[in-house]
Protein backbone atom coordinates (compact mmCIF):
# COMPACT_ATOMS: atom_id res chain seq x y z
CA MET A 1 -38.20 45.62 -31.14
CA THR A 2 -34.66 44.65 -31.18
CA CYS A 3 -33.40 41.55 -29.50
CA GLY A 4 -29.94 41.28 -28.15
CA PRO A 5 -27.61 38.42 -29.04
CA ARG A 6 -28.59 34.99 -27.66
CA THR A 7 -26.28 33.63 -25.05
CA THR A 8 -25.80 30.05 -24.10
CA THR A 9 -24.42 29.05 -20.77
CA ARG A 10 -21.86 26.26 -21.11
CA THR A 11 -20.26 24.36 -18.46
CA ALA A 12 -16.50 24.06 -18.63
CA PRO A 13 -15.43 20.52 -19.49
CA TRP A 14 -13.41 20.18 -16.33
CA ARG A 15 -16.54 21.09 -14.32
CA ARG A 16 -18.45 18.27 -15.88
CA VAL A 17 -16.07 15.68 -14.40
CA PHE A 18 -17.36 14.34 -11.09
CA TYR A 19 -15.29 15.86 -8.37
CA GLY A 20 -14.51 12.55 -6.89
CA TRP A 21 -12.38 11.73 -9.85
CA TRP A 22 -10.38 14.88 -9.31
CA MET A 23 -9.65 13.75 -5.78
CA VAL A 24 -8.72 10.26 -7.02
CA ALA A 25 -6.30 11.84 -9.51
CA GLY A 26 -4.62 13.85 -6.80
CA LEU A 27 -4.46 10.96 -4.39
CA ALA A 28 -2.99 8.82 -6.97
CA VAL A 29 -0.08 11.29 -7.24
CA THR A 30 0.28 11.46 -3.42
CA GLU A 31 0.08 7.71 -2.97
CA LEU A 32 2.83 7.23 -5.50
CA VAL A 33 5.17 9.68 -3.69
CA SER A 34 4.15 8.62 -0.09
CA TRP A 35 4.61 4.90 -0.70
CA GLY A 36 7.77 5.48 -2.68
CA VAL A 37 9.41 7.65 -0.03
CA LEU A 38 8.06 6.19 3.25
CA VAL A 39 8.09 2.48 2.30
CA TYR A 40 10.00 1.41 -0.75
CA ALA A 41 13.11 3.66 -0.46
CA PHE A 42 13.94 1.91 2.82
CA SER A 43 15.06 -1.33 1.05
CA VAL A 44 17.55 0.59 -0.95
CA LEU A 45 18.90 2.85 1.85
CA VAL A 46 19.53 -0.20 4.12
CA VAL A 47 22.55 -1.22 1.96
CA PRO A 48 24.61 2.11 2.23
CA MET A 49 23.53 2.55 5.82
CA ARG A 50 24.78 -0.85 6.74
CA ALA A 51 28.11 -0.29 5.01
CA GLU A 52 28.65 3.23 6.59
CA LEU A 53 27.33 2.77 10.10
CA GLY A 54 28.05 -0.84 10.70
CA TRP A 55 24.51 -1.61 11.94
CA SER A 56 23.14 -5.12 11.32
CA THR A 57 20.22 -5.96 9.04
CA ALA A 58 18.23 -6.91 12.17
CA GLN A 59 18.86 -3.44 13.79
CA LEU A 60 17.93 -1.61 10.63
CA ASN A 61 14.79 -3.56 9.98
CA GLY A 62 13.92 -3.05 13.67
CA ALA A 63 13.58 0.70 13.04
CA TYR A 64 11.18 0.01 10.21
CA THR A 65 9.29 -2.35 12.49
CA THR A 66 9.03 0.36 15.10
CA GLY A 67 7.56 2.76 12.59
CA VAL A 68 4.99 0.24 11.42
CA ALA A 69 4.09 -0.63 15.07
CA VAL A 70 3.51 3.07 15.78
CA SER A 71 1.16 3.17 12.72
CA GLY A 72 -0.80 0.26 14.15
CA LEU A 73 -1.18 1.85 17.58
CA VAL A 74 -2.79 4.90 16.09
CA ALA A 75 -4.87 3.06 13.37
CA VAL A 76 -8.12 2.96 15.32
CA PRO A 77 -8.20 6.66 16.45
CA VAL A 78 -7.14 7.68 12.90
CA GLY A 79 -9.95 5.50 11.43
CA ARG A 80 -12.48 7.08 13.77
CA ARG A 81 -11.29 10.64 12.87
CA LEU A 82 -11.54 9.70 9.21
CA GLN A 83 -15.12 8.59 9.81
CA LEU A 84 -16.08 11.74 11.65
CA HIS A 85 -14.11 14.51 9.85
CA GLY A 86 -12.87 13.08 6.54
CA ALA A 87 -9.33 12.75 5.17
CA ARG A 88 -8.25 16.33 4.45
CA GLY A 89 -6.76 17.34 7.73
CA VAL A 90 -5.55 13.82 8.54
CA MET A 91 -3.55 13.37 5.29
CA THR A 92 -2.19 16.98 5.33
CA ALA A 93 -0.83 16.48 8.83
CA GLY A 94 0.53 13.11 7.89
CA SER A 95 2.48 14.66 4.96
CA LEU A 96 4.12 17.20 7.22
CA LEU A 97 5.02 14.39 9.68
CA GLY A 98 6.53 12.39 6.81
CA VAL A 99 8.80 15.44 5.89
CA ALA A 100 9.91 15.75 9.44
CA ALA A 101 10.62 12.00 9.81
CA LEU A 102 12.77 11.97 6.66
CA LEU A 103 14.81 14.89 7.78
CA ALA A 104 15.41 13.38 11.20
CA TRP A 105 16.43 10.12 9.55
CA ALA A 106 18.92 12.01 7.29
CA ASN A 107 20.53 13.42 10.45
CA ALA A 108 20.53 10.26 12.51
CA HIS A 109 23.93 9.21 13.87
CA SER A 110 22.74 6.78 16.60
CA LEU A 111 20.22 3.95 16.76
CA VAL A 112 18.10 5.99 19.25
CA ALA A 113 17.77 8.86 16.73
CA PHE A 114 17.17 6.47 13.91
CA TYR A 115 14.36 4.70 15.77
CA ALA A 116 12.81 8.00 16.85
CA ALA A 117 12.72 9.19 13.26
CA PHE A 118 10.83 6.00 12.32
CA ALA A 119 8.37 6.46 15.19
CA VAL A 120 7.37 9.72 13.54
CA ALA A 121 7.36 7.98 10.14
CA GLY A 122 4.94 5.51 11.53
CA LEU A 123 2.40 8.34 12.28
CA ALA A 124 2.98 9.58 8.71
CA MET A 125 2.28 6.03 7.29
CA ALA A 126 -0.98 5.78 9.26
CA THR A 127 -2.22 9.11 7.97
CA THR A 128 -1.03 9.15 4.31
CA LEU A 129 -1.11 5.66 2.91
CA TYR A 130 -4.03 3.46 1.68
CA GLU A 131 -6.18 3.57 4.78
CA PRO A 132 -7.25 7.26 4.56
CA ALA A 133 -7.27 7.17 0.69
CA PHE A 134 -9.58 4.25 0.73
CA ALA A 135 -11.91 6.12 3.18
CA VAL A 136 -12.24 8.77 0.41
CA THR A 137 -13.14 6.26 -2.25
CA ALA A 138 -15.69 4.57 0.08
CA ALA A 139 -17.44 7.86 0.66
CA TRP A 140 -17.40 9.17 -2.83
CA PHE A 141 -17.98 6.04 -5.00
CA ALA A 142 -20.39 3.15 -5.04
CA ARG A 143 -20.84 1.68 -8.54
CA HIS A 144 -17.39 2.88 -9.63
CA ARG A 145 -15.55 2.18 -6.39
CA ALA A 146 -13.54 -0.71 -7.83
CA ARG A 147 -12.28 1.60 -10.64
CA ALA A 148 -11.39 4.34 -8.20
CA VAL A 149 -9.48 1.98 -5.92
CA LEU A 150 -7.70 0.53 -8.97
CA VAL A 151 -6.42 3.99 -9.85
CA LEU A 152 -5.05 4.46 -6.40
CA THR A 153 -3.46 1.09 -6.14
CA VAL A 154 -1.95 1.28 -9.63
CA ALA A 155 -0.22 4.53 -8.55
CA GLY A 156 0.89 3.04 -5.31
CA GLY A 157 2.07 -0.07 -7.13
CA LEU A 158 4.17 2.05 -9.45
CA ALA A 159 5.94 3.63 -6.41
CA SER A 160 8.45 0.85 -6.17
CA THR A 161 9.09 1.01 -9.95
CA VAL A 162 9.75 4.73 -9.68
CA PHE A 163 11.35 5.25 -6.26
CA VAL A 164 13.52 2.08 -5.84
CA PRO A 165 15.69 2.78 -8.93
CA LEU A 166 15.47 6.55 -8.37
CA THR A 167 16.57 6.15 -4.72
CA GLY A 168 19.41 3.87 -5.85
CA GLY A 169 20.56 6.44 -8.51
CA LEU A 170 20.43 9.35 -5.97
CA VAL A 171 22.42 7.32 -3.39
CA HIS A 172 25.04 6.57 -6.03
CA VAL A 173 25.46 10.33 -6.81
CA TYR A 174 24.74 12.09 -3.53
CA GLY A 175 24.99 9.48 -0.77
CA TRP A 176 22.08 8.35 1.49
CA ARG A 177 21.89 11.39 3.74
CA THR A 178 21.49 13.95 0.93
CA THR A 179 19.04 11.51 -0.83
CA LEU A 180 16.81 11.56 2.21
CA VAL A 181 16.76 15.40 2.22
CA LEU A 182 15.84 15.35 -1.49
CA LEU A 183 13.10 12.81 -0.87
CA ALA A 184 11.72 14.87 2.03
CA GLY A 185 11.56 17.86 -0.24
CA ALA A 186 9.66 15.91 -2.90
CA LEU A 187 7.22 14.57 -0.31
CA GLY A 188 6.49 18.09 1.06
CA LEU A 189 6.14 19.89 -2.18
CA VAL A 190 3.90 17.25 -3.82
CA THR A 191 1.65 15.92 -1.11
CA VAL A 192 0.94 18.82 1.24
CA PRO A 193 -0.72 21.12 -1.29
CA LEU A 194 -2.72 18.26 -2.87
CA HIS A 195 -3.99 16.97 0.41
CA ALA A 196 -4.81 20.46 1.85
CA GLY A 197 -6.34 21.91 -1.33
CA LEU A 198 -8.14 18.99 -2.99
CA LEU A 199 -9.66 16.69 -0.45
CA ARG A 200 -13.37 17.00 0.70
CA ARG A 201 -15.23 14.86 3.22
CA ARG A 202 -18.27 13.67 1.29
CA PRO A 203 -20.10 14.41 -1.94
CA SER A 204 -22.98 16.15 -0.16
CA ASP A 205 -20.54 18.82 0.96
CA MET A 206 -20.34 20.02 -2.70
CA GLY A 207 -23.97 19.36 -3.62
CA ALA A 208 -23.15 15.99 -5.24
CA HIS A 209 -23.94 12.29 -4.76
CA PRO A 210 -21.58 9.27 -4.87
CA ASP A 211 -20.43 8.44 -8.44
CA GLY A 212 -21.82 11.78 -9.51
CA ARG A 213 -25.21 10.26 -10.07
CA PRO A 214 -28.42 12.36 -10.09
CA ALA A 215 -30.30 12.79 -6.81
CA ASP A 216 -33.09 10.47 -7.81
CA VAL A 217 -30.81 7.53 -8.49
CA GLN A 218 -30.47 5.51 -5.31
CA ALA A 219 -27.15 4.21 -4.23
CA PRO A 220 -26.77 0.66 -2.95
CA THR A 221 -27.81 0.41 0.67
CA HIS A 222 -26.13 -1.33 3.53
CA SER A 223 -27.59 -2.06 6.93
CA ASP A 224 -26.09 0.10 9.67
CA THR A 225 -24.47 -2.75 11.59
CA ALA A 226 -22.36 -1.89 14.50
CA GLU A 227 -18.67 -2.24 14.15
CA GLY A 228 -18.55 -4.84 16.98
CA ALA A 229 -21.00 -7.03 15.20
CA ILE A 230 -19.04 -6.76 11.94
CA THR A 231 -15.77 -7.77 13.50
CA ARG A 232 -17.40 -10.87 15.05
CA ARG A 233 -18.37 -12.19 11.65
CA ALA A 234 -16.54 -15.12 10.24
CA SER A 235 -15.99 -13.25 6.93
CA PHE A 236 -14.16 -10.51 8.79
CA ARG A 237 -11.97 -12.95 10.72
CA TRP A 238 -10.95 -14.93 7.66
CA PHE A 239 -10.33 -11.72 5.60
CA THR A 240 -8.22 -10.38 8.28
CA LEU A 241 -6.23 -13.64 8.51
CA PHE A 242 -5.65 -13.41 4.70
CA LEU A 243 -4.35 -9.87 4.95
CA VAL A 244 -2.09 -10.74 7.86
CA CYS A 245 -0.50 -13.73 6.25
CA HIS A 246 0.07 -12.21 2.86
CA THR A 247 1.31 -8.88 4.30
CA THR A 248 3.80 -10.59 6.61
CA GLY A 249 5.22 -12.66 3.78
CA LYS A 250 5.48 -9.94 1.19
CA LEU A 251 7.00 -7.40 3.55
CA ALA A 252 9.65 -9.91 4.65
CA VAL A 253 10.61 -10.45 1.06
CA THR A 254 10.44 -6.70 0.16
CA VAL A 255 12.97 -5.61 2.72
CA ILE A 256 15.48 -8.35 1.98
CA LEU A 257 15.17 -8.47 -1.90
CA VAL A 258 17.79 -5.94 -2.75
CA ALA A 259 20.24 -7.36 -0.20
CA TYR A 260 19.55 -10.85 -1.27
CA LEU A 261 20.38 -10.06 -4.94
CA THR A 262 23.50 -8.10 -4.12
CA ASP A 263 24.68 -11.07 -1.86
CA ARG A 264 24.25 -13.25 -4.93
CA GLY A 265 26.58 -11.07 -6.86
CA TYR A 266 24.28 -8.63 -8.72
CA SER A 267 25.18 -5.05 -8.68
CA LEU A 268 23.15 -2.49 -6.71
CA PRO A 269 21.63 -0.96 -9.81
CA GLN A 270 20.71 -4.43 -11.11
CA ALA A 271 19.16 -5.35 -7.76
CA THR A 272 17.16 -2.21 -7.41
CA ALA A 273 15.96 -2.52 -11.06
CA ALA A 274 14.65 -6.11 -10.20
CA ALA A 275 12.99 -4.81 -7.06
CA GLY A 276 11.47 -1.92 -8.99
CA ALA A 277 10.15 -4.36 -11.51
CA VAL A 278 8.00 -5.93 -8.82
CA GLY A 279 5.95 -2.71 -8.80
CA ALA A 280 5.36 -2.92 -12.63
CA PHE A 281 4.06 -6.50 -12.32
CA GLN A 282 2.00 -5.42 -9.21
CA VAL A 283 0.19 -2.95 -11.57
CA LEU A 284 -0.36 -5.70 -14.14
CA GLY A 285 -1.84 -7.98 -11.43
CA ARG A 286 -4.27 -5.29 -10.23
CA LEU A 287 -5.26 -4.36 -13.91
CA ALA A 288 -5.98 -8.09 -14.61
CA CYS A 289 -7.97 -8.61 -11.42
CA THR A 290 -10.11 -5.55 -12.19
CA ALA A 291 -10.50 -6.23 -15.88
CA LEU A 292 -11.69 -9.77 -15.31
CA ARG A 293 -14.05 -8.67 -12.52
CA PRO A 294 -17.28 -8.64 -14.61
CA ARG A 295 -16.70 -12.31 -15.75
CA PHE A 296 -14.51 -13.70 -13.03
CA PRO A 297 -14.82 -12.73 -9.29
CA ALA A 298 -11.83 -10.70 -8.03
CA GLN A 299 -11.14 -12.99 -5.17
CA ARG A 300 -10.80 -15.96 -7.57
CA THR A 301 -8.28 -14.24 -9.67
CA ALA A 302 -6.34 -13.24 -6.61
CA ILE A 303 -6.36 -16.75 -5.16
CA LEU A 304 -4.92 -18.14 -8.47
CA LEU A 305 -2.22 -15.50 -8.43
CA PHE A 306 -1.40 -16.10 -4.81
CA ALA A 307 -0.98 -19.77 -5.55
CA ALA A 308 1.50 -19.02 -8.39
CA GLN A 309 3.30 -16.52 -6.04
CA ALA A 310 3.74 -19.18 -3.41
CA VAL A 311 5.34 -21.52 -5.88
CA ALA A 312 7.60 -18.89 -7.37
CA LEU A 313 9.09 -17.41 -4.20
CA PRO A 314 11.42 -20.33 -3.38
CA VAL A 315 12.42 -20.93 -7.06
CA PRO A 316 15.74 -18.91 -6.84
CA LEU A 317 16.91 -21.27 -4.08
CA LEU A 318 17.35 -23.90 -6.74
CA THR A 319 20.33 -22.01 -8.14
CA THR A 320 23.27 -19.96 -6.89
CA GLY A 321 25.24 -16.91 -8.22
CA HIS A 322 24.01 -14.71 -11.03
CA ALA A 323 24.63 -16.73 -14.19
CA ALA A 324 21.96 -17.04 -16.88
CA ALA A 325 20.03 -19.90 -15.21
CA ALA A 326 20.15 -18.16 -11.89
CA THR A 327 18.83 -15.03 -13.46
CA GLY A 328 15.97 -16.96 -15.00
CA THR A 329 14.86 -18.11 -11.46
CA VAL A 330 15.20 -14.57 -10.13
CA VAL A 331 12.95 -13.34 -12.96
CA THR A 332 10.38 -15.95 -12.14
CA LEU A 333 10.27 -14.70 -8.56
CA VAL A 334 10.06 -11.04 -9.65
CA VAL A 335 7.19 -11.69 -12.13
CA PHE A 336 4.95 -13.77 -9.83
CA PHE A 337 5.80 -11.96 -6.68
CA GLY A 338 4.90 -8.77 -8.45
CA LEU A 339 1.63 -10.03 -9.93
CA GLY A 340 0.23 -11.00 -6.45
CA TYR A 341 1.95 -8.29 -4.50
CA GLY A 342 -0.65 -5.55 -4.64
CA LEU A 343 -3.91 -7.54 -4.72
CA PRO A 344 -4.54 -7.47 -0.96
CA ASP A 345 -4.73 -3.67 -1.08
CA LEU A 346 -7.05 -3.81 -4.04
CA LEU A 347 -9.32 -6.25 -2.26
CA ARG A 348 -9.22 -4.28 0.96
CA GLY A 349 -10.54 -1.21 -0.78
CA THR A 350 -13.32 -3.12 -2.55
CA LEU A 351 -14.36 -6.40 -0.90
CA LEU A 352 -14.05 -5.03 2.63
CA VAL A 353 -16.40 -2.21 1.70
CA ASP A 354 -18.87 -4.81 0.48
CA TYR A 355 -18.52 -6.68 3.82
CA CYS A 356 -19.27 -3.79 6.05
CA GLY A 357 -20.79 -1.00 3.98
CA PRO A 358 -19.26 2.44 3.17
CA GLY A 359 -20.65 4.21 6.24
CA ARG A 360 -18.78 1.77 8.65
CA TYR A 361 -15.78 1.29 6.40
CA PRO A 362 -13.38 3.88 7.86
CA GLY A 363 -13.83 2.54 11.37
CA VAL A 364 -13.75 -1.08 10.46
CA ASN A 365 -10.71 -0.51 8.21
CA GLY A 366 -9.05 1.17 11.14
CA ILE A 367 -9.57 -2.08 13.14
CA VAL A 368 -8.22 -4.09 10.22
CA ALA A 369 -5.31 -1.81 9.99
CA ILE A 370 -4.12 -2.83 13.47
CA PHE A 371 -3.62 -6.40 12.19
CA VAL A 372 -2.19 -5.24 8.86
CA VAL A 373 0.43 -2.98 10.27
CA ALA A 374 1.30 -5.57 12.91
CA ALA A 375 2.00 -7.89 9.89
CA ARG A 376 3.96 -5.11 8.13
CA ALA A 377 6.09 -4.84 11.32
CA THR A 378 6.43 -8.64 11.70
CA GLY A 379 7.62 -9.28 8.19
CA PRO A 380 10.83 -7.11 8.28
CA LEU A 381 11.49 -8.40 11.86
CA LEU A 382 11.28 -11.97 10.86
CA ALA A 383 13.36 -11.30 7.84
CA GLY A 384 16.07 -9.74 9.94
CA LEU A 385 15.99 -12.54 12.54
CA GLY A 386 16.07 -15.17 9.75
CA ALA A 387 19.28 -13.55 8.35
CA ALA A 388 20.84 -13.48 11.69
CA VAL A 389 19.87 -17.04 12.68
CA PHE A 390 20.31 -18.87 9.32
CA GLY A 391 23.12 -16.59 7.89
CA GLY A 392 21.12 -15.75 4.71
CA HIS A 393 17.69 -15.08 3.30
CA SER A 394 16.63 -18.63 2.20
CA ALA A 395 14.38 -19.02 5.25
CA THR A 396 12.66 -15.76 4.43
CA LEU A 397 11.66 -16.96 0.93
CA ILE A 398 10.41 -20.29 2.10
CA GLY A 399 8.43 -18.81 4.99
CA ALA A 400 6.85 -16.19 2.76
CA ALA A 401 5.74 -18.91 0.40
CA ALA A 402 3.92 -20.79 3.21
CA LEU A 403 2.37 -17.60 4.39
CA THR A 404 1.15 -16.74 0.93
CA ALA A 405 -0.49 -20.13 0.43
CA THR A 406 -2.12 -19.85 3.91
CA GLY A 407 -3.45 -16.41 2.89
CA ALA A 408 -4.94 -17.71 -0.27
CA HIS A 409 -6.89 -20.32 1.59
CA ALA A 410 -8.10 -17.79 4.14
CA LEU A 411 -9.40 -15.53 1.35
CA HIS A 412 -11.34 -18.41 -0.06
CA ARG A 413 -12.88 -19.17 3.33
CA ALA A 414 -13.69 -15.37 3.88
CA HIS A 415 -15.76 -15.09 0.71
CA GLN A 416 -17.56 -18.37 1.45
CA ALA A 417 -18.51 -16.97 4.85
CA PHE A 418 -19.55 -13.67 3.34
CA THR A 419 -21.88 -15.41 0.93
CA ARG A 420 -23.48 -17.34 3.72
CA GLU A 421 -23.93 -14.22 5.79
CA SER A 422 -25.52 -12.27 2.97
CA ARG A 423 -28.25 -14.91 2.69
CA GLU A 424 -29.07 -14.81 6.44
């Protein structure tokens, strides 16, 4: 009796990787591009738009405020849709809206058209940035959630490092309108196919379990507490206050940083390089917070970095111009502003899930998003008003420092409250 050759079935290496990590990899790319195009490019484009169109900083920042306000208005319905249907349709539609917004912005010749473009951009922000991406990590990861969120936020943090200098270079060569068309093309070509082709709602849809664990390994459980009960907790209120304070301050500084540095005498390429460096230090801050997590709680690392950030923000006001000493103070601001810049997003994708549980997270995060996007809108608005009232950006730096310090205190109180609530 002759036996045929023995065959061994082998699984391709790429199939052995938990599918959640493939989604995280794709979302890392889309977050990099979406944040870079929809958020960080604005601070660069303000300068040539102000020069060509004669619109004031307050008028320009008001459009951004409009977009962020729209994203806040739709935050709760978007969160509920994510909870019911997952992120695939939401993020694909958001990418298409982002392309439409950028093309409308490129063709805007009046404030009405400019503000209308940013209203559409607000819908794109609500449906493509961290909120829906974190809903994916909450559903697909438990034990490895912090690592998955780190990957996404590192990519988002690099967005300013990549897109602020890139946008500055494109504006220098092609002008701001053509630059927006090119950015719209990049957004559509990169994010639409990844969102439409890669995202899935939950691990069970593919016969898997969170973290890729075997079926007989139990995931951490959370009580099915109603959203209303969660939002009445002291931990939720303090955590939301922390996010509001820090977001308001950092967005105010973000939108004026390039203009502030050019007003001090730095060239546009130098100013955009400094603003882009904030993103690089943002990544370092997130990496440090996650690496220290096993030995040092993430919120403690964040509080220390926020305290340093609050001290560093007003330091450039001690000098004028752009000589060596002045540059040293600007470097101090960039380093510590960057180290603390991205930590609220990291904590929102990890601590907030601990506070409410992964099942309720998309809905609760949608409620949080209302306050966060209101802060995103308020920061640029206050920065523009501060420039108009005080004739410069000093008040913005001082106010942002005070808000950062207040946020650090609120984060401390939030975790104290959560610890008490967990024992009850």
